[in-house]
Protein backbone atom coordinates (compact mmCIF):
# COMPACT_ATOMS: atom_id res chain seq x y z
CA MET A 1 21.77 -6.06 23.04
CA SER A 2 24.24 -4.36 20.11
CA SER A 3 23.30 -4.31 16.46
CA GLN A 4 25.84 -7.60 16.06
CA ASP A 5 23.13 -9.31 18.46
CA THR A 6 20.12 -8.43 16.19
CA LEU A 7 18.86 -9.63 12.48
CA ILE A 8 16.53 -8.47 10.40
CA LEU A 9 15.31 -10.78 8.19
CA ILE A 10 12.70 -10.03 4.82
CA PRO A 11 11.17 -13.09 3.62
CA ALA A 12 10.46 -12.76 -0.33
CA ARG A 13 8.74 -14.96 -2.92
CA MET A 14 7.56 -14.44 -6.15
CA ALA A 15 4.27 -16.44 -5.99
CA SER A 16 2.02 -14.44 -4.74
CA THR A 17 -1.21 -14.77 -6.30
CA ARG A 18 -2.46 -11.30 -6.35
CA LEU A 19 0.05 -9.23 -7.50
CA PRO A 20 2.38 -11.95 -9.56
CA GLY A 21 6.10 -10.61 -9.36
CA LYS A 22 5.44 -8.39 -6.34
CA PRO A 23 8.64 -8.33 -4.47
CA LEU A 24 10.11 -6.80 -8.19
CA ALA A 25 7.54 -4.28 -8.61
CA ASP A 26 9.03 -1.00 -10.00
CA LEU A 27 8.23 2.25 -7.47
CA GLY A 28 9.64 5.04 -9.28
CA GLY A 29 12.97 3.48 -10.16
CA ARG A 30 13.19 1.15 -6.88
CA SER A 31 11.88 -2.53 -6.82
CA MET A 32 9.88 -3.07 -4.02
CA ILE A 33 12.07 -5.69 -2.39
CA VAL A 34 14.84 -3.35 -2.09
CA GLU A 35 13.00 -0.18 -0.65
CA VAL A 36 12.05 -1.94 1.97
CA ALA A 37 15.14 -3.41 2.83
CA ARG A 38 16.31 0.54 2.23
CA ARG A 39 13.89 1.48 4.80
CA SER A 40 15.31 -1.79 7.51
CA ALA A 41 18.74 -0.57 7.19
CA ALA A 42 17.82 2.97 7.97
CA ALA A 43 16.14 1.88 11.32
CA GLY A 44 19.88 1.23 11.97
CA ILE A 45 19.79 -2.05 14.46
CA GLY A 46 21.31 -4.48 13.17
CA ARG A 47 22.38 -6.81 9.47
CA VAL A 48 19.32 -7.28 6.94
CA VAL A 49 18.99 -9.54 4.92
CA VAL A 50 16.67 -10.60 2.43
CA ALA A 51 15.49 -14.13 2.20
CA THR A 52 13.97 -15.56 -1.25
CA ASP A 53 14.07 -18.37 -3.63
CA ASP A 54 14.18 -16.40 -6.79
CA ALA A 55 17.18 -15.75 -8.51
CA GLY A 56 15.35 -12.63 -10.35
CA VAL A 57 15.20 -11.14 -6.63
CA GLN A 58 18.66 -12.10 -5.40
CA ALA A 59 20.17 -10.25 -8.22
CA ALA A 60 17.98 -6.84 -7.92
CA VAL A 61 18.91 -7.18 -3.88
CA GLN A 62 22.66 -7.56 -4.22
CA SER A 63 23.18 -5.48 -7.19
CA ALA A 64 21.60 -2.60 -4.80
CA GLY A 65 24.03 -3.26 -2.32
CA PHE A 66 22.14 -5.69 0.20
CA GLU A 67 22.61 -9.37 1.20
CA VAL A 68 20.77 -12.46 0.33
CA ALA A 69 20.15 -15.58 2.02
CA MET A 70 19.15 -18.22 -0.08
CA THR A 71 16.32 -20.41 0.83
CA ARG A 72 13.98 -23.87 -0.17
CA ALA A 73 11.06 -23.02 -2.57
CA ASP A 74 8.71 -24.84 -0.59
CA HIS A 75 7.67 -22.70 2.56
CA ALA A 76 4.31 -22.59 3.71
CA SER A 77 4.96 -19.12 5.40
CA GLY A 78 7.64 -16.97 6.11
CA SER A 79 8.79 -17.40 9.18
CA ASP A 80 9.70 -20.81 8.28
CA ARG A 81 11.68 -19.23 5.74
CA ILE A 82 13.71 -16.82 8.11
CA PHE A 83 14.37 -19.22 10.28
CA GLU A 84 16.11 -21.45 7.73
CA ALA A 85 17.95 -18.32 6.67
CA LEU A 86 18.53 -17.89 10.45
CA GLY A 87 20.39 -20.81 10.08
CA ARG A 88 22.70 -20.60 6.86
CA LEU A 89 23.62 -16.93 8.26
CA ASP A 90 23.84 -17.68 11.98
CA PRO A 91 25.38 -21.50 12.35
CA ASP A 92 27.14 -20.12 15.33
CA ARG A 93 23.94 -18.63 16.77
CA GLN A 94 25.91 -15.40 18.03
CA VAL A 95 22.27 -13.93 16.96
CA ALA A 96 19.56 -13.08 19.96
CA ARG A 97 16.68 -11.28 18.57
CA ILE A 98 15.52 -11.76 14.59
CA VAL A 99 12.81 -9.46 13.49
CA ASN A 100 10.82 -10.60 10.48
CA VAL A 101 9.75 -7.69 8.30
CA GLN A 102 7.31 -8.35 4.90
CA GLY A 103 8.94 -7.34 1.73
CA ASP A 104 5.54 -5.84 1.06
CA LEU A 105 5.80 -3.09 3.45
CA PRO A 106 7.27 0.03 0.55
CA THR A 107 5.86 2.99 3.26
CA LEU A 108 7.23 0.96 6.55
CA ASP A 109 8.68 3.77 8.98
CA PRO A 110 11.78 2.81 10.16
CA SER A 111 11.31 3.68 13.21
CA LEU A 112 8.68 0.86 13.78
CA ILE A 113 10.78 -1.76 13.47
CA ARG A 114 12.66 -0.44 16.49
CA ALA A 115 9.42 0.11 18.84
CA ALA A 116 8.92 -3.61 17.70
CA LEU A 117 12.30 -4.32 18.85
CA ASP A 118 12.46 -2.55 22.09
CA LEU A 119 9.38 -5.16 22.95
CA LEU A 120 11.87 -7.45 23.52
CA ASP A 121 13.64 -5.36 26.44
CA ASP A 122 11.29 -7.10 28.80
CA ALA A 123 12.56 -10.76 29.40
CA ALA A 124 9.27 -12.05 29.77
CA VAL A 125 8.18 -11.32 26.11
CA ASP A 126 9.01 -13.89 23.59
CA ILE A 127 7.77 -11.81 20.61
CA GLY A 128 7.15 -7.95 19.76
CA THR A 129 4.62 -6.84 17.40
CA LEU A 130 2.73 -3.51 16.03
CA ALA A 131 -0.77 -2.07 16.04
CA ALA A 132 -2.18 1.06 15.62
CA GLU A 133 -5.51 2.70 16.93
CA ILE A 134 -8.07 2.03 14.25
CA THR A 135 -9.45 5.51 12.79
CA ASP A 136 -11.49 4.76 9.99
CA ALA A 137 -14.85 3.29 10.60
CA GLY A 138 -14.97 0.97 7.73
CA GLU A 139 -11.83 -0.68 9.24
CA ARG A 140 -13.34 -1.70 12.20
CA THR A 141 -15.82 -4.58 10.40
CA ASN A 142 -13.17 -5.52 7.48
CA PRO A 143 -11.72 -9.16 7.85
CA ASN A 144 -9.12 -8.17 5.78
CA VAL A 145 -8.01 -5.60 9.10
CA VAL A 146 -6.62 -8.15 11.65
CA LYS A 147 -7.22 -6.61 14.67
CA ALA A 148 -5.05 -6.88 17.78
CA VAL A 149 -7.06 -7.43 21.49
CA GLY A 150 -4.98 -6.98 24.61
CA SER A 151 -4.75 -5.96 27.95
CA PRO A 152 -3.30 -2.97 28.95
CA ILE A 153 -0.21 -2.69 30.51
CA THR A 154 1.21 1.36 29.63
CA PRO A 155 -1.13 3.77 27.17
CA ARG A 156 1.37 2.65 24.32
CA ARG A 157 1.40 -1.09 24.84
CA LEU A 158 -0.50 -4.33 24.84
CA ARG A 159 0.08 -8.14 25.83
CA ALA A 160 -2.03 -9.59 23.70
CA LEU A 161 -4.89 -12.19 24.03
CA TYR A 162 -6.03 -12.55 20.96
CA PHE A 163 -5.64 -11.73 16.96
CA THR A 164 -8.74 -11.90 15.22
CA ARG A 165 -10.32 -11.05 11.75
CA ALA A 166 -14.03 -10.19 13.81
CA THR A 167 -15.01 -6.64 15.18
CA ALA A 168 -13.21 -7.49 18.75
CA PRO A 169 -13.44 -5.87 21.53
CA TYR A 170 -17.10 -6.08 21.83
CA GLY A 171 -18.38 -2.51 23.57
CA GLU A 172 -16.84 1.07 23.42
CA GLY A 173 -12.93 1.85 23.43
CA PRO A 174 -11.12 2.17 20.84
CA LEU A 175 -10.28 -1.36 18.18
CA PHE A 176 -6.16 -1.77 16.61
CA HIS A 177 -5.27 -2.48 13.90
CA HIS A 178 -2.44 -5.36 13.57
CA ILE A 179 0.97 -4.24 12.07
CA GLY A 180 2.27 -7.78 10.24
CA LEU A 181 6.09 -7.45 11.80
CA TYR A 182 7.62 -9.29 14.39
CA ALA A 183 10.45 -9.04 16.81
CA TYR A 184 11.35 -12.41 17.99
CA ARG A 185 13.88 -13.93 20.40
CA ARG A 186 15.75 -16.60 18.84
CA SER A 187 14.47 -19.28 20.89
CA ALA A 188 10.90 -18.10 20.63
CA LEU A 189 11.24 -18.43 16.75
CA GLU A 190 12.72 -21.80 17.42
CA ARG A 191 10.21 -23.18 18.74
CA PHE A 192 7.25 -21.27 16.54
CA VAL A 193 8.41 -22.95 13.80
CA THR A 194 8.33 -26.45 15.31
CA LEU A 195 4.85 -26.40 16.40
CA PRO A 196 2.36 -27.48 14.16
CA PRO A 197 -0.61 -25.02 12.79
CA SER A 198 -2.89 -24.72 15.97
CA PRO A 199 -6.65 -24.66 15.63
CA LEU A 200 -7.59 -20.91 15.94
CA GLU A 201 -4.46 -20.45 13.40
CA SER A 202 -6.31 -22.65 11.27
CA ARG A 203 -9.66 -20.71 11.99
CA GLU A 204 -8.78 -17.53 11.52
CA LYS A 205 -5.40 -17.72 9.05
CA LEU A 206 -3.34 -15.87 11.31
CA GLU A 207 -0.07 -17.42 12.04
CA GLN A 208 0.72 -15.59 15.24
CA LEU A 209 -2.47 -17.15 17.36
CA ARG A 210 -0.05 -20.15 17.32
CA ALA A 211 2.21 -19.05 19.35
CA LEU A 212 -0.35 -17.49 21.73
CA GLU A 213 -1.98 -21.21 21.58
CA ALA A 214 1.07 -22.45 23.08
CA GLY A 215 1.39 -20.02 25.78
CA MET A 216 3.98 -17.11 24.34
CA ARG A 217 4.12 -14.14 25.26
CA ILE A 218 3.25 -11.56 22.76
CA ASP A 219 3.33 -7.46 23.68
CA VAL A 220 2.24 -4.99 21.18
CA ALA A 221 3.67 -1.70 20.89
CA ILE A 222 0.81 1.49 19.61
CA VAL A 223 2.51 3.34 17.03
CA ASP A 224 0.73 6.05 15.12
CA THR A 225 0.87 4.84 11.20
CA VAL A 226 0.27 1.74 9.74
CA PRO A 227 2.30 0.89 6.53
CA LEU A 228 0.55 0.04 3.48
CA GLY A 229 0.84 -3.17 2.60
CA VAL A 230 0.87 -4.53 -1.41
CA ASP A 231 -1.44 -7.24 -2.08
CA THR A 232 -3.17 -5.73 -5.20
CA PRO A 233 -2.31 -3.69 -8.13
CA GLU A 234 -4.55 -1.26 -6.72
CA ASP A 235 -2.30 -1.16 -3.28
CA LEU A 236 0.47 -1.03 -5.67
CA GLU A 237 -0.52 2.05 -7.19
CA LYS A 238 -1.42 3.58 -3.94
CA ALA A 239 2.40 2.82 -2.62
CA ARG A 240 4.02 4.53 -5.80
CA ALA A 241 1.85 7.22 -5.33
CA MET A 242 2.57 7.86 -1.66
CA LEU A 243 6.82 7.57 -2.38
CA ALA A 244 6.73 9.99 -5.22
CA ARG A 245 5.13 12.67 -2.73
CA GLU A 246 7.40 11.73 0.05
CA ALA A 247 10.31 12.07 -2.68
CA ALA A 248 9.18 15.24 -3.65
CA HIS A 249 8.80 16.36 0.32
CA VAL A 250 12.42 15.45 0.72
CA GLN A 251 13.77 17.40 -2.40
CA ALA A 252 11.70 20.49 -1.41
CA ALA A 253 13.10 20.16 1.87
CA HIS A 254 17.03 19.74 0.35
CA GLU A 255 16.32 22.84 -1.82
CA SER A 256 15.11 24.83 0.99
CA ARG A 257 17.78 24.12 2.94
CA THR A 258 20.64 24.68 -0.16
CA LEU A 259 18.65 28.13 -0.19
CA SER A 260 18.94 29.48 2.94
């Protein structure tokens, strides 16, 4: 596969209940959605497009030099939004792989996008996603931390069996914090969006269970870090602090190279 075969889509909507206007929240002079687009482009794996229904998001993204696909306002999920965008952007069906990057992950390491996409090198895999081993004891029982449960294929890869808000699996051993970034085969995304919400999806409020209940294969790459998902004002302040530290580190490294 080449970069022409791959499309990174970032769904963005302004109607967040806990943090209204989230995509345009300021992160040290750059809006959150632009920061996510910038990091997605840094992965170097293909075209990056923000999918939105909001003119303000469109203006901010385009002014930063990134591409936008305008979509309907009535989508129930990000996967539905990116599917509409895919049809608009690629009517000739040249794109074979689509990466769905959430627009509220401003600290995302670009290498994580590649890790999810690489799972599709196995022709049996429909969807690739990510998880990191839980090291904070509080996360093991926190229902807001979704756990990926799977059979190990290699030390850094699972075949997903389930995703849950519960503490699972039971017994001794690692638990894995699921990271909501997905790489789809085009055929898998097309199938997924036609499926009705499944019973376990509705119960757990986890969309990826729809794919598993339909018999689709999801593999999980085990990575070292969990990007901060920004859902609340407190998360936003954490993101600002993290990005400020990152910028200071980059500046210090640049000055060190200049002096040497």
